[in-house]
C-alpha atoms as a PDB file:
ATOM      1  CA  MET A   1       6.406  27.041  46.478  1.00  0.00           C
ATOM      2  CA  PRO A   2       4.908  24.725  43.860  1.00  0.00           C
ATOM      3  CA  SER A   3       6.886  21.598  43.053  1.00  0.00           C
ATOM      4  CA  ILE A   4       8.661  21.064  39.736  1.00  0.00           C
ATOM      5  CA  GLY A   5       6.162  18.319  38.834  1.00  0.00           C
ATOM      6  CA  THR A   6       3.190  20.654  39.444  1.00  0.00           C
ATOM      7  CA  THR A   7       4.741  23.392  37.330  1.00  0.00           C
ATOM      8  CA  ARG A   8       5.438  20.971  34.496  1.00  0.00           C
ATOM      9  CA  SER A   9       1.854  19.657  34.604  1.00  0.00           C
ATOM     10  CA  MET A  10       0.466  23.205  34.374  1.00  0.00           C
ATOM     11  CA  LEU A  11       2.709  24.000  31.399  1.00  0.00           C
ATOM     12  CA  THR A  12       1.554  20.826  29.670  1.00  0.00           C
ATOM     13  CA  LEU A  13      -2.081  21.715  30.336  1.00  0.00           C
ATOM     14  CA  PHE A  14      -1.779  25.133  28.700  1.00  0.00           C
ATOM     15  CA  GLN A  15       0.421  23.903  25.842  1.00  0.00           C
ATOM     16  CA  PRO A  16      -1.175  24.703  22.428  1.00  0.00           C
ATOM     17  CA  TYR A  17      -2.956  21.769  20.843  1.00  0.00           C
ATOM     18  CA  GLY A  18      -0.832  19.869  18.328  1.00  0.00           C
ATOM     19  CA  LYS A  19       2.552  20.872  19.866  1.00  0.00           C
ATOM     20  CA  ASN A  20       4.968  18.209  21.093  1.00  0.00           C
ATOM     21  CA  ASP A  21       6.333  18.021  24.623  1.00  0.00           C
ATOM     22  CA  THR A  22      10.113  17.954  24.216  1.00  0.00           C
ATOM     23  CA  GLU A  23      10.504  15.720  27.284  1.00  0.00           C
ATOM     24  CA  ALA A  24       7.652  13.347  26.486  1.00  0.00           C
ATOM     25  CA  GLY A  25       8.518  13.083  22.796  1.00  0.00           C
ATOM     26  CA  PRO A  26       6.245  13.354  19.757  1.00  0.00           C
ATOM     27  CA  ARG A  27       2.527  12.837  20.261  1.00  0.00           C
ATOM     28  CA  PRO A  28       1.212   9.371  19.356  1.00  0.00           C
ATOM     29  CA  LEU A  29      -0.735   8.984  16.129  1.00  0.00           C
ATOM     30  CA  TYR A  30      -3.581   7.222  17.937  1.00  0.00           C
ATOM     31  CA  PRO A  31      -4.568   6.400  21.552  1.00  0.00           C
ATOM     32  CA  MET A  32      -2.863   3.386  23.170  1.00  0.00           C
ATOM     33  CA  MET A  33      -0.014   3.562  20.644  1.00  0.00           C
ATOM     34  CA  LEU A  34       2.807   1.218  21.745  1.00  0.00           C
ATOM     35  CA  GLU A  35       5.539   1.757  19.149  1.00  0.00           C
ATOM     36  CA  PRO A  36       7.640   4.968  19.053  1.00  0.00           C
ATOM     37  CA  PRO A  37       6.009   7.653  16.855  1.00  0.00           C
ATOM     38  CA  GLU A  38       9.295   8.157  14.987  1.00  0.00           C
ATOM     39  CA  VAL A  39       9.265   4.528  13.807  1.00  0.00           C
ATOM     40  CA  ARG A  40       5.636   4.741  12.681  1.00  0.00           C
ATOM     41  CA  TRP A  41       6.190   8.057  10.846  1.00  0.00           C
ATOM     42  CA  ALA A  42       9.259   6.612   9.095  1.00  0.00           C
ATOM     43  CA  PHE A  43       7.139   3.696   7.876  1.00  0.00           C
ATOM     44  CA  ILE A  44       4.368   6.026   6.670  1.00  0.00           C
ATOM     45  CA  ARG A  45       6.888   8.235   4.818  1.00  0.00           C
ATOM     46  CA  LYS A  46       8.329   5.150   3.099  1.00  0.00           C
ATOM     47  CA  ILE A  47       4.881   3.983   1.967  1.00  0.00           C
ATOM     48  CA  TYR A  48       3.889   7.381   0.581  1.00  0.00           C
ATOM     49  CA  SER A  49       7.271   7.729  -1.141  1.00  0.00           C
ATOM     50  CA  ILE A  50       6.667   4.423  -2.943  1.00  0.00           C
ATOM     51  CA  ILE A  51       3.148   5.566  -3.910  1.00  0.00           C
ATOM     52  CA  ALA A  52       4.557   8.856  -5.257  1.00  0.00           C
ATOM     53  CA  ILE A  53       7.091   6.967  -7.400  1.00  0.00           C
ATOM     54  CA  GLN A  54       4.318   4.688  -8.686  1.00  0.00           C
ATOM     55  CA  LEU A  55       2.176   7.688  -9.627  1.00  0.00           C
ATOM     56  CA  LEU A  56       5.062   9.424 -11.418  1.00  0.00           C
ATOM     57  CA  ALA A  57       5.875   6.226 -13.345  1.00  0.00           C
ATOM     58  CA  THR A  58       2.212   5.825 -14.290  1.00  0.00           C
ATOM     59  CA  ILE A  59       2.036   9.423 -15.513  1.00  0.00           C
ATOM     60  CA  ALA A  60       5.247   9.041 -17.556  1.00  0.00           C
ATOM     61  CA  VAL A  61       4.183   5.768 -19.217  1.00  0.00           C
ATOM     62  CA  ALA A  62       0.583   6.891 -19.807  1.00  0.00           C
ATOM     63  CA  ALA A  63       1.743  10.217 -21.281  1.00  0.00           C
ATOM     64  CA  THR A  64       4.108   8.357 -23.630  1.00  0.00           C
ATOM     65  CA  VAL A  65       1.325   6.020 -24.798  1.00  0.00           C
ATOM     66  CA  VAL A  66      -1.026   8.961 -25.396  1.00  0.00           C
ATOM     67  CA  THR A  67       1.577  11.153 -27.142  1.00  0.00           C
ATOM     68  CA  VAL A  68       3.167   8.508 -29.373  1.00  0.00           C
ATOM     69  CA  ARG A  69       0.130   7.522 -31.425  1.00  0.00           C
ATOM     70  CA  PRO A  70       1.701   4.429 -33.144  1.00  0.00           C
ATOM     71  CA  ILE A  71       1.798   2.703 -29.724  1.00  0.00           C
ATOM     72  CA  SER A  72      -1.945   2.966 -29.140  1.00  0.00           C
ATOM     73  CA  HIS A  73      -2.691   2.063 -32.784  1.00  0.00           C
ATOM     74  CA  PHE A  74      -0.528  -1.070 -32.460  1.00  0.00           C
ATOM     75  CA  PHE A  75      -2.437  -2.255 -29.381  1.00  0.00           C
ATOM     76  CA  VAL A  76      -5.867  -1.639 -30.898  1.00  0.00           C
ATOM     77  CA  GLY A  77      -5.290  -2.077 -34.644  1.00  0.00           C
ATOM     78  CA  THR A  78      -3.434  -5.427 -34.696  1.00  0.00           C
ATOM     79  CA  GLY A  79      -4.291  -8.892 -33.411  1.00  0.00           C
ATOM     80  CA  ALA A  80      -0.990  -9.254 -31.533  1.00  0.00           C
ATOM     81  CA  GLY A  81      -1.466  -5.831 -29.972  1.00  0.00           C
ATOM     82  CA  LEU A  82      -4.979  -6.721 -28.824  1.00  0.00           C
ATOM     83  CA  VAL A  83      -3.708  -9.921 -27.184  1.00  0.00           C
ATOM     84  CA  LEU A  84      -0.919  -7.960 -25.518  1.00  0.00           C
ATOM     85  CA  TYR A  85      -3.469  -5.390 -24.321  1.00  0.00           C
ATOM     86  CA  ILE A  86      -5.529  -8.138 -22.660  1.00  0.00           C
ATOM     87  CA  VAL A  87      -2.369  -9.526 -21.052  1.00  0.00           C
ATOM     88  CA  LEU A  88      -1.496  -6.062 -19.698  1.00  0.00           C
ATOM     89  CA  ILE A  89      -4.972  -5.699 -18.195  1.00  0.00           C
ATOM     90  CA  ILE A  90      -4.770  -9.113 -16.491  1.00  0.00           C
ATOM     91  CA  THR A  91      -1.143  -8.768 -15.314  1.00  0.00           C
ATOM     92  CA  PRO A  92      -1.790  -6.384 -12.356  1.00  0.00           C
ATOM     93  CA  PHE A  93      -4.365  -8.786 -10.892  1.00  0.00           C
ATOM     94  CA  VAL A  94      -2.093 -11.806 -11.431  1.00  0.00           C
ATOM     95  CA  THR A  95       0.871  -9.964  -9.859  1.00  0.00           C
ATOM     96  CA  LEU A  96      -1.101  -9.308  -6.659  1.00  0.00           C
ATOM     97  CA  CYS A  97      -0.863 -13.008  -5.693  1.00  0.00           C
ATOM     98  CA  PRO A  98       2.967 -13.275  -5.588  1.00  0.00           C
ATOM     99  CA  LEU A  99       3.110  -9.742  -4.166  1.00  0.00           C
ATOM    100  CA  TYR A 100       1.030 -10.921  -1.200  1.00  0.00           C
ATOM    101  CA  TYR A 101       3.432 -13.846  -0.663  1.00  0.00           C
ATOM    102  CA  TYR A 102       6.765 -12.066  -1.300  1.00  0.00           C
ATOM    103  CA  TYR A 103       5.952  -8.653   0.197  1.00  0.00           C
ATOM    104  CA  LYS A 104       8.867  -9.007   2.679  1.00  0.00           C
ATOM    105  CA  ARG A 105      11.327 -10.589   0.219  1.00  0.00           C
ATOM    106  CA  HIS A 106      13.752  -7.927  -1.091  1.00  0.00           C
ATOM    107  CA  PRO A 107      14.332  -7.221  -4.007  1.00  0.00           C
ATOM    108  CA  VAL A 108      11.605  -9.544  -5.361  1.00  0.00           C
ATOM    109  CA  ASN A 109       8.895  -7.362  -3.796  1.00  0.00           C
ATOM    110  CA  TYR A 110      10.144  -4.259  -5.609  1.00  0.00           C
ATOM    111  CA  LEU A 111      10.440  -6.111  -8.931  1.00  0.00           C
ATOM    112  CA  LEU A 112       6.867  -7.389  -8.631  1.00  0.00           C
ATOM    113  CA  LEU A 113       5.689  -3.925  -7.650  1.00  0.00           C
ATOM    114  CA  GLY A 114       7.442  -2.528 -10.727  1.00  0.00           C
ATOM    115  CA  VAL A 115       5.701  -5.047 -13.006  1.00  0.00           C
ATOM    116  CA  PHE A 116       2.364  -4.214 -11.356  1.00  0.00           C
ATOM    117  CA  THR A 117       2.896  -0.467 -11.800  1.00  0.00           C
ATOM    118  CA  LEU A 118       4.110  -0.569 -15.420  1.00  0.00           C
ATOM    119  CA  SER A 119       1.393  -2.939 -16.648  1.00  0.00           C
ATOM    120  CA  LEU A 120      -1.272  -0.834 -14.967  1.00  0.00           C
ATOM    121  CA  ALA A 121       0.314   2.321 -16.406  1.00  0.00           C
ATOM    122  CA  PHE A 122       0.052   0.914 -19.949  1.00  0.00           C
ATOM    123  CA  ALA A 123      -3.612   0.052 -19.370  1.00  0.00           C
ATOM    124  CA  VAL A 124      -4.261   3.570 -18.070  1.00  0.00           C
ATOM    125  CA  GLY A 125      -2.375   5.105 -20.992  1.00  0.00           C
ATOM    126  CA  LEU A 126      -4.333   3.128 -23.588  1.00  0.00           C
ATOM    127  CA  THR A 127      -7.588   4.109 -21.918  1.00  0.00           C
ATOM    128  CA  CYS A 128      -6.559   7.772 -21.931  1.00  0.00           C
ATOM    129  CA  ALA A 129      -5.468   7.563 -25.580  1.00  0.00           C
ATOM    130  CA  PHE A 130      -9.097   7.044 -26.642  1.00  0.00           C
ATOM    131  CA  THR A 131     -10.736   9.292 -24.050  1.00  0.00           C
ATOM    132  CA  SER A 132     -11.449  13.011 -24.125  1.00  0.00           C
ATOM    133  CA  GLY A 133      -8.794  15.143 -22.446  1.00  0.00           C
ATOM    134  CA  LYS A 134     -11.476  17.020 -20.528  1.00  0.00           C
ATOM    135  CA  VAL A 135     -12.750  13.791 -18.982  1.00  0.00           C
ATOM    136  CA  ILE A 136      -9.227  12.781 -17.955  1.00  0.00           C
ATOM    137  CA  LEU A 137      -8.600  16.173 -16.330  1.00  0.00           C
ATOM    138  CA  GLU A 138     -11.891  15.971 -14.424  1.00  0.00           C
ATOM    139  CA  SER A 139     -10.995  12.466 -13.218  1.00  0.00           C
ATOM    140  CA  VAL A 140      -7.547  13.595 -12.048  1.00  0.00           C
ATOM    141  CA  ILE A 141      -8.950  16.562 -10.096  1.00  0.00           C
ATOM    142  CA  LEU A 142     -11.758  14.549  -8.486  1.00  0.00           C
ATOM    143  CA  THR A 143      -9.436  11.673  -7.564  1.00  0.00           C
ATOM    144  CA  ALA A 144      -6.802  13.993  -6.067  1.00  0.00           C
ATOM    145  CA  VAL A 145      -9.347  15.921  -3.980  1.00  0.00           C
ATOM    146  CA  VAL A 146     -11.035  12.762  -2.666  1.00  0.00           C
ATOM    147  CA  VAL A 147      -7.786  10.935  -1.818  1.00  0.00           C
ATOM    148  CA  VAL A 148      -6.185  13.915  -0.043  1.00  0.00           C
ATOM    149  CA  ALA A 149      -9.371  14.798   1.855  1.00  0.00           C
ATOM    150  CA  LEU A 150     -10.064  11.239   3.024  1.00  0.00           C
ATOM    151  CA  THR A 151      -6.410  10.658   3.967  1.00  0.00           C
ATOM    152  CA  LEU A 152      -6.300  13.819   6.105  1.00  0.00           C
ATOM    153  CA  TYR A 153      -9.655  12.916   7.668  1.00  0.00           C
ATOM    154  CA  THR A 154      -8.422   9.424   8.604  1.00  0.00           C
ATOM    155  CA  PHE A 155      -5.294  10.804  10.297  1.00  0.00           C
ATOM    156  CA  TRP A 156      -7.470  13.302  12.173  1.00  0.00           C
ATOM    157  CA  ALA A 157      -9.989  10.630  13.220  1.00  0.00           C
ATOM    158  CA  ALA A 158      -7.305   8.116  14.261  1.00  0.00           C
ATOM    159  CA  ARG A 159      -5.715  10.650  16.600  1.00  0.00           C
ATOM    160  CA  ARG A 160      -9.106  11.062  18.296  1.00  0.00           C
ATOM    161  CA  GLY A 161      -9.568   7.346  18.834  1.00  0.00           C
ATOM    162  CA  HIS A 162     -11.822   6.427  15.900  1.00  0.00           C
ATOM    163  CA  ASP A 163     -11.263   2.993  14.414  1.00  0.00           C
ATOM    164  CA  PHE A 164     -12.277   1.876  10.913  1.00  0.00           C
ATOM    165  CA  ASN A 165     -11.264  -1.786  11.081  1.00  0.00           C
ATOM    166  CA  PHE A 166     -14.939  -2.790  11.038  1.00  0.00           C
ATOM    167  CA  LEU A 167     -15.121  -1.728   7.363  1.00  0.00           C
ATOM    168  CA  GLY A 168     -13.014  -4.705   6.230  1.00  0.00           C
ATOM    169  CA  PRO A 169     -15.771  -7.369   5.847  1.00  0.00           C
ATOM    170  CA  PHE A 170     -18.222  -4.890   4.282  1.00  0.00           C
ATOM    171  CA  LEU A 171     -15.674  -3.686   1.722  1.00  0.00           C
ATOM    172  CA  PHE A 172     -14.665  -7.254   0.850  1.00  0.00           C
ATOM    173  CA  GLY A 173     -18.299  -8.181   0.248  1.00  0.00           C
ATOM    174  CA  ALA A 174     -18.844  -5.014  -1.785  1.00  0.00           C
ATOM    175  CA  VAL A 175     -15.890  -5.819  -4.073  1.00  0.00           C
ATOM    176  CA  LEU A 176     -17.280  -9.318  -4.645  1.00  0.00           C
ATOM    177  CA  VAL A 177     -20.594  -7.737  -5.665  1.00  0.00           C
ATOM    178  CA  LEU A 178     -18.760  -5.413  -8.078  1.00  0.00           C
ATOM    179  CA  MET A 179     -16.883  -8.321  -9.657  1.00  0.00           C
ATOM    180  CA  VAL A 180     -20.051 -10.396 -10.128  1.00  0.00           C
ATOM    181  CA  PHE A 181     -21.899  -7.362 -11.487  1.00  0.00           C
ATOM    182  CA  ALA A 182     -19.069  -6.760 -13.988  1.00  0.00           C
ATOM    183  CA  LEU A 183     -19.298 -10.382 -15.206  1.00  0.00           C
ATOM    184  CA  ILE A 184     -23.052 -10.013 -15.601  1.00  0.00           C
ATOM    185  CA  GLN A 185     -22.464  -6.857 -17.655  1.00  0.00           C
ATOM    186  CA  VAL A 186     -20.115  -8.753 -19.977  1.00  0.00           C
ATOM    187  CA  VAL A 187     -22.588 -11.583 -20.590  1.00  0.00           C
ATOM    188  CA  PHE A 188     -25.849  -9.603 -20.348  1.00  0.00           C
ATOM    189  CA  PRO A 189     -25.259  -5.878 -20.983  1.00  0.00           C
ATOM    190  CA  LEU A 190     -27.746  -3.841 -18.983  1.00  0.00           C
ATOM    191  CA  GLY A 191     -27.304  -0.452 -20.643  1.00  0.00           C
ATOM    192  CA  ARG A 192     -25.730   2.914 -19.850  1.00  0.00           C
ATOM    193  CA  ILE A 193     -27.767   3.539 -16.696  1.00  0.00           C
ATOM    194  CA  SER A 194     -26.495   0.341 -15.086  1.00  0.00           C
ATOM    195  CA  VAL A 195     -22.916   1.292 -16.035  1.00  0.00           C
ATOM    196  CA  MET A 196     -23.414   4.678 -14.383  1.00  0.00           C
ATOM    197  CA  ILE A 197     -24.773   3.015 -11.218  1.00  0.00           C
ATOM    198  CA  TYR A 198     -21.823   0.611 -11.264  1.00  0.00           C
ATOM    199  CA  GLY A 199     -19.363   3.512 -11.496  1.00  0.00           C
ATOM    200  CA  CYS A 200     -21.008   5.391  -8.624  1.00  0.00           C
ATOM    201  CA  LEU A 201     -21.034   2.321  -6.362  1.00  0.00           C
ATOM    202  CA  ALA A 202     -17.407   1.528  -7.244  1.00  0.00           C
ATOM    203  CA  SER A 203     -16.363   5.103  -6.379  1.00  0.00           C
ATOM    204  CA  ILE A 204     -18.071   4.957  -2.983  1.00  0.00           C
ATOM    205  CA  ILE A 205     -16.611   1.523  -2.188  1.00  0.00           C
ATOM    206  CA  PHE A 206     -13.067   2.567  -3.017  1.00  0.00           C
ATOM    207  CA  CYS A 207     -13.500   5.744  -0.979  1.00  0.00           C
ATOM    208  CA  GLY A 208     -14.147   3.350   1.899  1.00  0.00           C
ATOM    209  CA  TYR A 209     -10.951   1.488   0.999  1.00  0.00           C
ATOM    210  CA  ILE A 210      -8.934   4.721   1.212  1.00  0.00           C
ATOM    211  CA  VAL A 211     -10.135   5.248   4.789  1.00  0.00           C
ATOM    212  CA  TYR A 212      -9.744   1.559   5.715  1.00  0.00           C
ATOM    213  CA  ASP A 213      -6.223   1.176   4.280  1.00  0.00           C
ATOM    214  CA  THR A 214      -5.011   4.492   5.718  1.00  0.00           C
ATOM    215  CA  ASP A 215      -6.312   3.460   9.156  1.00  0.00           C
ATOM    216  CA  ASN A 216      -4.442   0.153   8.856  1.00  0.00           C
ATOM    217  CA  LEU A 217      -1.329   2.020   7.748  1.00  0.00           C
ATOM    218  CA  ILE A 218      -1.476   4.167  10.884  1.00  0.00           C
ATOM    219  CA  LYS A 219      -2.267   1.426  13.403  1.00  0.00           C
ATOM    220  CA  ARG A 220      -1.727  -2.154  12.247  1.00  0.00           C
ATOM    221  CA  TYR A 221       0.664  -2.567   9.298  1.00  0.00           C
END
């Protein structure tokens, strides 16, 4: 008669891939995972819930700016509005510094995140107000497909032991190059072809950031 342990091992062996063993608990998200999967999944759900709220707020504010034409005309047609527009563009970058320092300080972290989201939403709305609707729709579809596809790929790769932490230094250097290139464009405009190259490189770099940040979300944060 086979032992209970042998029987259980055989059942585990022939268990369909992706199913959880009720006695062993949920499968880990990545090899050598130390924390309970439930804790990690709760953290991931919280992060994506915050991102969803940010996206909805951005859509609401941007749609308001685009629909109510006097708002966009105030920002572009008056001196005070132009100054305020520049402030709104700079604010998200300025807010990142205290966000990095107070990211564990509640409710300051949520207030800073709200300022970051709303200021960025106004900048997006003003950009959309003077852009073709077809271009905006294409951008939304492309962004959604890329983000969802790369996120699913990173979860799949992490479960199979792949690690993307090595991308950190390369991505940091690439962002520095983008920033310097943008400053050069302001002082010495290089034409439409260089802007197109800049946009392509920026898209590829931030695709790398999606993979890198998702991998950190699964394993290290």
